Amino acid sequence: MAALKRERAAKKRAALKAKADAKRAVREKKRAEKKAIRASGPVSPFTLFVQQTTSGKKGRFDMKVLAAEWKALSEGQKQKYRDQAKKNLSKRRATKQSMKKSPNKYALFLQKAPSC
């Protein structure tokens, strides 16, 4: 009787561990996906400007001052930030597209089905 209880308890512990491991794997996968998306860089020209202006510097930065600096830039100077942000956006979209799951049979069926 006692051996049977120990065996059941061991099975229960193993099942709980497997469930926890599965949750951890899902969480790690999401973290990796988010990290890959962030690796594409800023997709806003202003954010890119702020990042490049403040990188390597320590301390707090006044966003009002940075916004004034951004407004003071000429269109030609802003254009390089816009171009880089556009490249980053295309990288981000490609990364997100590569992470999408392929549609299952039911989704394919719905795509082929005529709408009412």
N, C-alpha and C. Protein backbone atom coordinates (compact mmCIF):
# COMPACT_ATOMS: atom_id res chain seq x y z
N MET A 1 0.82 -1.20 0.00
CA MET A 1 0.00 0.00 0.00
C MET A 1 0.86 1.26 0.00
N ALA A 2 1.87 1.29 0.88
CA ALA A 2 2.75 2.45 0.97
C ALA A 2 3.56 2.63 -0.31
N ALA A 3 3.96 1.51 -0.91
CA ALA A 3 4.73 1.57 -2.15
C ALA A 3 3.86 2.17 -3.26
N LEU A 4 2.61 1.80 -3.28
CA LEU A 4 1.70 2.32 -4.29
C LEU A 4 1.51 3.82 -4.15
N LYS A 5 1.39 4.30 -2.90
CA LYS A 5 1.26 5.74 -2.66
C LYS A 5 2.50 6.49 -3.10
N ARG A 6 3.68 5.91 -2.80
CA ARG A 6 4.94 6.56 -3.21
C ARG A 6 5.04 6.63 -4.73
N GLU A 7 4.61 5.57 -5.37
CA GLU A 7 4.66 5.51 -6.84
C GLU A 7 3.74 6.58 -7.45
N ARG A 8 2.53 6.70 -6.89
CA ARG A 8 1.59 7.71 -7.39
C ARG A 8 2.13 9.12 -7.15
N ALA A 9 2.72 9.32 -5.97
CA ALA A 9 3.28 10.64 -5.66
C ALA A 9 4.42 10.97 -6.61
N ALA A 10 5.23 9.98 -6.92
CA ALA A 10 6.35 10.20 -7.84
C ALA A 10 5.84 10.55 -9.23
N LYS A 11 4.79 9.86 -9.67
CA LYS A 11 4.21 10.15 -10.98
C LYS A 11 3.64 11.57 -11.01
N LYS A 12 2.98 11.94 -9.90
CA LYS A 12 2.40 13.27 -9.82
C LYS A 12 3.47 14.35 -9.87
N ARG A 13 4.57 14.13 -9.13
CA ARG A 13 5.69 15.08 -9.16
C ARG A 13 6.28 15.20 -10.55
N ALA A 14 6.43 14.06 -11.24
CA ALA A 14 6.99 14.06 -12.59
C ALA A 14 6.08 14.83 -13.55
N ALA A 15 4.76 14.64 -13.39
CA ALA A 15 3.82 15.35 -14.26
C ALA A 15 3.88 16.85 -14.00
N LEU A 16 3.95 17.25 -12.73
CA LEU A 16 4.03 18.67 -12.41
C LEU A 16 5.32 19.28 -12.93
N LYS A 17 6.41 18.53 -12.84
CA LYS A 17 7.70 19.03 -13.35
C LYS A 17 7.63 19.19 -14.87
N ALA A 18 7.03 18.23 -15.55
CA ALA A 18 6.90 18.31 -17.01
C ALA A 18 6.06 19.52 -17.41
N LYS A 19 4.98 19.76 -16.65
CA LYS A 19 4.12 20.91 -16.95
C LYS A 19 4.87 22.22 -16.73
N ALA A 20 5.64 22.29 -15.64
CA ALA A 20 6.42 23.50 -15.36
C ALA A 20 7.49 23.71 -16.44
N ASP A 21 8.12 22.62 -16.89
CA ASP A 21 9.13 22.73 -17.93
C ASP A 21 8.52 23.22 -19.24
N ALA A 22 7.31 22.76 -19.54
CA ALA A 22 6.63 23.20 -20.76
C ALA A 22 6.31 24.69 -20.69
N LYS A 23 5.83 25.15 -19.53
CA LYS A 23 5.54 26.58 -19.36
C LYS A 23 6.82 27.40 -19.50
N ARG A 24 7.89 26.92 -18.91
CA ARG A 24 9.18 27.62 -18.98
C ARG A 24 9.66 27.71 -20.43
N ALA A 25 9.48 26.63 -21.18
CA ALA A 25 9.90 26.63 -22.59
C ALA A 25 9.12 27.66 -23.40
N VAL A 26 7.81 27.74 -23.14
CA VAL A 26 6.98 28.72 -23.85
C VAL A 26 7.42 30.13 -23.50
N ARG A 27 7.69 30.36 -22.22
CA ARG A 27 8.12 31.69 -21.76
C ARG A 27 9.46 32.06 -22.39
N GLU A 28 10.39 31.11 -22.45
CA GLU A 28 11.70 31.38 -23.06
C GLU A 28 11.57 31.66 -24.55
N LYS A 29 10.66 30.95 -25.21
CA LYS A 29 10.45 31.17 -26.64
C LYS A 29 9.93 32.58 -26.89
N LYS A 30 8.97 33.02 -26.06
CA LYS A 30 8.43 34.38 -26.21
C LYS A 30 9.50 35.42 -25.96
N ARG A 31 10.33 35.19 -24.95
CA ARG A 31 11.42 36.13 -24.66
C ARG A 31 12.38 36.22 -25.84
N ALA A 32 12.71 35.08 -26.43
CA ALA A 32 13.62 35.07 -27.57
C ALA A 32 13.02 35.81 -28.76
N GLU A 33 11.71 35.62 -28.97
CA GLU A 33 11.04 36.32 -30.07
C GLU A 33 11.07 37.83 -29.85
N LYS A 34 10.76 38.26 -28.63
CA LYS A 34 10.77 39.69 -28.33
C LYS A 34 12.17 40.26 -28.48
N LYS A 35 13.18 39.49 -28.07
CA LYS A 35 14.56 39.96 -28.19
C LYS A 35 14.94 40.12 -29.66
N ALA A 36 14.51 39.18 -30.49
CA ALA A 36 14.80 39.26 -31.92
C ALA A 36 14.12 40.47 -32.55
N ILE A 37 12.91 40.76 -32.10
CA ILE A 37 12.18 41.93 -32.63
C ILE A 37 12.89 43.22 -32.21
N ARG A 38 13.29 43.29 -30.94
CA ARG A 38 13.99 44.50 -30.47
C ARG A 38 15.34 44.68 -31.15
N ALA A 39 15.95 43.58 -31.57
CA ALA A 39 17.27 43.65 -32.21
C ALA A 39 17.23 44.37 -33.55
N SER A 40 16.04 44.52 -34.12
CA SER A 40 15.93 45.21 -35.41
C SER A 40 16.21 46.70 -35.27
N GLY A 41 16.09 47.23 -34.06
CA GLY A 41 16.39 48.64 -33.82
C GLY A 41 15.14 49.50 -33.79
N PRO A 42 15.31 50.78 -33.48
CA PRO A 42 14.17 51.69 -33.40
C PRO A 42 13.52 51.89 -34.77
N VAL A 43 12.20 51.96 -34.79
CA VAL A 43 11.48 52.13 -36.05
C VAL A 43 10.93 53.54 -36.21
N SER A 44 11.24 54.40 -35.26
CA SER A 44 10.83 55.80 -35.33
C SER A 44 12.09 56.65 -35.50
N PRO A 45 12.07 57.62 -36.42
CA PRO A 45 13.25 58.46 -36.62
C PRO A 45 13.66 59.21 -35.34
N PHE A 46 12.68 59.70 -34.59
CA PHE A 46 12.99 60.44 -33.37
C PHE A 46 13.62 59.51 -32.33
N THR A 47 13.08 58.32 -32.18
CA THR A 47 13.64 57.35 -31.23
C THR A 47 15.06 56.99 -31.62
N LEU A 48 15.30 56.84 -32.89
CA LEU A 48 16.64 56.54 -33.38
C LEU A 48 17.59 57.70 -33.07
N PHE A 49 17.11 58.92 -33.26
CA PHE A 49 17.91 60.11 -32.95
C PHE A 49 18.26 60.14 -31.46
N VAL A 50 17.26 59.90 -30.61
CA VAL A 50 17.49 59.92 -29.16
C VAL A 50 18.50 58.85 -28.78
N GLN A 51 18.33 57.67 -29.35
CA GLN A 51 19.24 56.57 -29.01
C GLN A 51 20.68 56.89 -29.43
N GLN A 52 20.86 57.42 -30.62
CA GLN A 52 22.20 57.72 -31.09
C GLN A 52 22.80 58.92 -30.37
N THR A 53 21.97 59.87 -29.99
CA THR A 53 22.46 61.06 -29.29
C THR A 53 22.90 60.72 -27.87
N THR A 54 22.18 59.83 -27.22
CA THR A 54 22.46 59.55 -25.81
C THR A 54 23.32 58.31 -25.59
N SER A 55 23.63 57.55 -26.62
CA SER A 55 24.40 56.32 -26.42
C SER A 55 25.82 56.66 -25.96
N GLY A 56 26.27 55.91 -25.00
CA GLY A 56 27.61 56.11 -24.47
C GLY A 56 27.71 57.19 -23.42
N LYS A 57 26.63 57.89 -23.18
CA LYS A 57 26.64 58.96 -22.18
C LYS A 57 25.88 58.49 -20.95
N LYS A 58 26.34 58.90 -19.80
CA LYS A 58 25.69 58.50 -18.56
C LYS A 58 24.88 59.65 -17.98
N GLY A 59 23.95 59.29 -17.12
CA GLY A 59 23.14 60.31 -16.48
C GLY A 59 21.77 60.41 -17.11
N ARG A 60 21.01 61.35 -16.61
CA ARG A 60 19.65 61.55 -17.11
C ARG A 60 19.66 62.56 -18.25
N PHE A 61 18.69 62.41 -19.13
CA PHE A 61 18.57 63.31 -20.26
C PHE A 61 17.20 63.96 -20.25
N ASP A 62 17.17 65.23 -20.57
CA ASP A 62 15.92 65.96 -20.61
C ASP A 62 15.32 65.78 -22.01
N MET A 63 14.16 65.16 -22.05
CA MET A 63 13.53 64.90 -23.34
C MET A 63 13.10 66.19 -24.04
N LYS A 64 12.81 67.23 -23.28
CA LYS A 64 12.44 68.51 -23.89
C LYS A 64 13.62 69.07 -24.68
N VAL A 65 14.82 68.92 -24.13
CA VAL A 65 16.02 69.40 -24.82
C VAL A 65 16.26 68.58 -26.08
N LEU A 66 16.11 67.25 -25.95
CA LEU A 66 16.31 66.39 -27.12
C LEU A 66 15.26 66.67 -28.20
N ALA A 67 14.03 66.93 -27.79
CA ALA A 67 12.98 67.25 -28.76
C ALA A 67 13.28 68.57 -29.46
N ALA A 68 13.81 69.53 -28.72
CA ALA A 68 14.17 70.82 -29.32
C ALA A 68 15.32 70.63 -30.31
N GLU A 69 16.29 69.78 -29.96
CA GLU A 69 17.40 69.48 -30.88
C GLU A 69 16.87 68.83 -32.15
N TRP A 70 15.91 67.90 -31.99
CA TRP A 70 15.32 67.22 -33.14
C TRP A 70 14.62 68.22 -34.05
N LYS A 71 13.86 69.13 -33.45
CA LYS A 71 13.14 70.13 -34.25
C LYS A 71 14.10 71.09 -34.94
N ALA A 72 15.27 71.30 -34.33
CA ALA A 72 16.24 72.22 -34.91
C ALA A 72 17.00 71.60 -36.09
N LEU A 73 16.95 70.28 -36.23
CA LEU A 73 17.65 69.64 -37.34
C LEU A 73 17.00 70.01 -38.67
N SER A 74 17.82 70.08 -39.69
CA SER A 74 17.28 70.36 -41.03
C SER A 74 16.65 69.09 -41.59
N GLU A 75 15.88 69.24 -42.64
CA GLU A 75 15.23 68.09 -43.26
C GLU A 75 16.25 67.09 -43.79
N GLY A 76 17.37 67.58 -44.29
CA GLY A 76 18.42 66.69 -44.79
C GLY A 76 19.02 65.84 -43.67
N GLN A 77 19.21 66.47 -42.50
CA GLN A 77 19.75 65.73 -41.36
C GLN A 77 18.74 64.71 -40.83
N LYS A 78 17.46 65.09 -40.86
CA LYS A 78 16.43 64.16 -40.38
C LYS A 78 16.25 62.99 -41.34
N GLN A 79 16.55 63.23 -42.62
CA GLN A 79 16.32 62.20 -43.63
C GLN A 79 17.15 60.95 -43.37
N LYS A 80 18.38 61.11 -42.88
CA LYS A 80 19.20 59.91 -42.62
C LYS A 80 18.58 59.07 -41.51
N TYR A 81 17.97 59.73 -40.53
CA TYR A 81 17.28 59.00 -39.46
C TYR A 81 16.02 58.31 -40.00
N ARG A 82 15.32 58.99 -40.90
CA ARG A 82 14.12 58.40 -41.49
C ARG A 82 14.48 57.16 -42.31
N ASP A 83 15.56 57.26 -43.09
CA ASP A 83 15.98 56.13 -43.92
C ASP A 83 16.36 54.93 -43.05
N GLN A 84 17.13 55.19 -41.99
CA GLN A 84 17.54 54.10 -41.10
C GLN A 84 16.33 53.50 -40.39
N ALA A 85 15.38 54.34 -39.97
CA ALA A 85 14.17 53.84 -39.30
C ALA A 85 13.35 52.98 -40.25
N LYS A 86 13.30 53.37 -41.52
CA LYS A 86 12.57 52.59 -42.51
C LYS A 86 13.22 51.22 -42.71
N LYS A 87 14.56 51.18 -42.73
CA LYS A 87 15.26 49.90 -42.84
C LYS A 87 14.98 49.03 -41.62
N ASN A 88 15.00 49.64 -40.44
CA ASN A 88 14.72 48.90 -39.22
C ASN A 88 13.31 48.34 -39.22
N LEU A 89 12.36 49.13 -39.74
CA LEU A 89 10.97 48.68 -39.80
C LEU A 89 10.83 47.48 -40.73
N SER A 90 11.52 47.52 -41.86
CA SER A 90 11.44 46.39 -42.78
C SER A 90 12.08 45.15 -42.15
N LYS A 91 13.18 45.34 -41.39
CA LYS A 91 13.79 44.21 -40.68
C LYS A 91 12.82 43.64 -39.66
N ARG A 92 12.16 44.51 -38.93
CA ARG A 92 11.21 44.07 -37.89
C ARG A 92 10.05 43.31 -38.52
N ARG A 93 9.53 43.81 -39.62
CA ARG A 93 8.42 43.12 -40.29
C ARG A 93 8.85 41.75 -40.79
N ALA A 94 10.06 41.67 -41.34
CA ALA A 94 10.56 40.38 -41.83
C ALA A 94 10.74 39.40 -40.66
N THR A 95 11.23 39.91 -39.54
CA THR A 95 11.40 39.05 -38.36
C THR A 95 10.06 38.54 -37.87
N LYS A 96 9.08 39.43 -37.77
CA LYS A 96 7.75 39.02 -37.31
C LYS A 96 7.12 38.03 -38.28
N GLN A 97 7.31 38.26 -39.57
CA GLN A 97 6.74 37.36 -40.57
C GLN A 97 7.36 35.97 -40.46
N SER A 98 8.65 35.91 -40.17
CA SER A 98 9.31 34.61 -40.05
C SER A 98 8.85 33.85 -38.81
N MET A 99 8.32 34.57 -37.82
CA MET A 99 7.86 33.92 -36.59
C MET A 99 6.43 33.42 -36.68
N LYS A 100 5.71 33.82 -37.72
CA LYS A 100 4.32 33.41 -37.84
C LYS A 100 4.23 31.90 -38.10
N LYS A 101 3.23 31.29 -37.49
CA LYS A 101 3.01 29.87 -37.73
C LYS A 101 2.30 29.72 -39.07
N SER A 102 2.54 28.59 -39.72
CA SER A 102 1.85 28.33 -40.97
C SER A 102 0.40 27.98 -40.65
N PRO A 103 -0.51 28.31 -41.54
CA PRO A 103 -1.93 28.06 -41.25
C PRO A 103 -2.23 26.56 -41.21
N ASN A 104 -3.14 26.18 -40.32
CA ASN A 104 -3.53 24.78 -40.24
C ASN A 104 -4.58 24.47 -41.31
N LYS A 105 -5.02 23.22 -41.37
CA LYS A 105 -5.95 22.80 -42.42
C LYS A 105 -7.25 23.60 -42.38
N TYR A 106 -7.74 23.86 -41.17
CA TYR A 106 -9.00 24.58 -41.04
C TYR A 106 -8.87 26.02 -41.55
N ALA A 107 -7.76 26.67 -41.23
CA ALA A 107 -7.55 28.04 -41.70
C ALA A 107 -7.45 28.07 -43.22
N LEU A 108 -6.78 27.09 -43.80
CA LEU A 108 -6.70 27.02 -45.26
C LEU A 108 -8.08 26.80 -45.88
N PHE A 109 -8.88 25.95 -45.23
CA PHE A 109 -10.23 25.70 -45.71
C PHE A 109 -11.06 26.99 -45.70
N LEU A 110 -10.93 27.77 -44.63
CA LEU A 110 -11.69 29.02 -44.52
C LEU A 110 -11.25 30.03 -45.59
N GLN A 111 -9.96 30.02 -45.92
CA GLN A 111 -9.48 30.94 -46.94
C GLN A 111 -10.06 30.58 -48.31
N LYS A 112 -10.22 29.28 -48.56
CA LYS A 112 -10.73 28.82 -49.87
C LYS A 112 -12.24 28.94 -49.96
N ALA A 113 -12.92 28.86 -48.82
CA ALA A 113 -14.38 28.84 -48.82
C ALA A 113 -14.93 30.17 -49.34
N PRO A 114 -15.98 30.10 -50.14
CA PRO A 114 -16.59 31.35 -50.64
C PRO A 114 -17.31 32.06 -49.51
N SER A 115 -17.26 33.36 -49.53
CA SER A 115 -17.95 34.14 -48.48
C SER A 115 -19.42 34.23 -48.84
N CYS A 116 -20.25 34.29 -47.82
CA CYS A 116 -21.72 34.32 -48.03
C CYS A 116 -22.18 35.71 -48.36
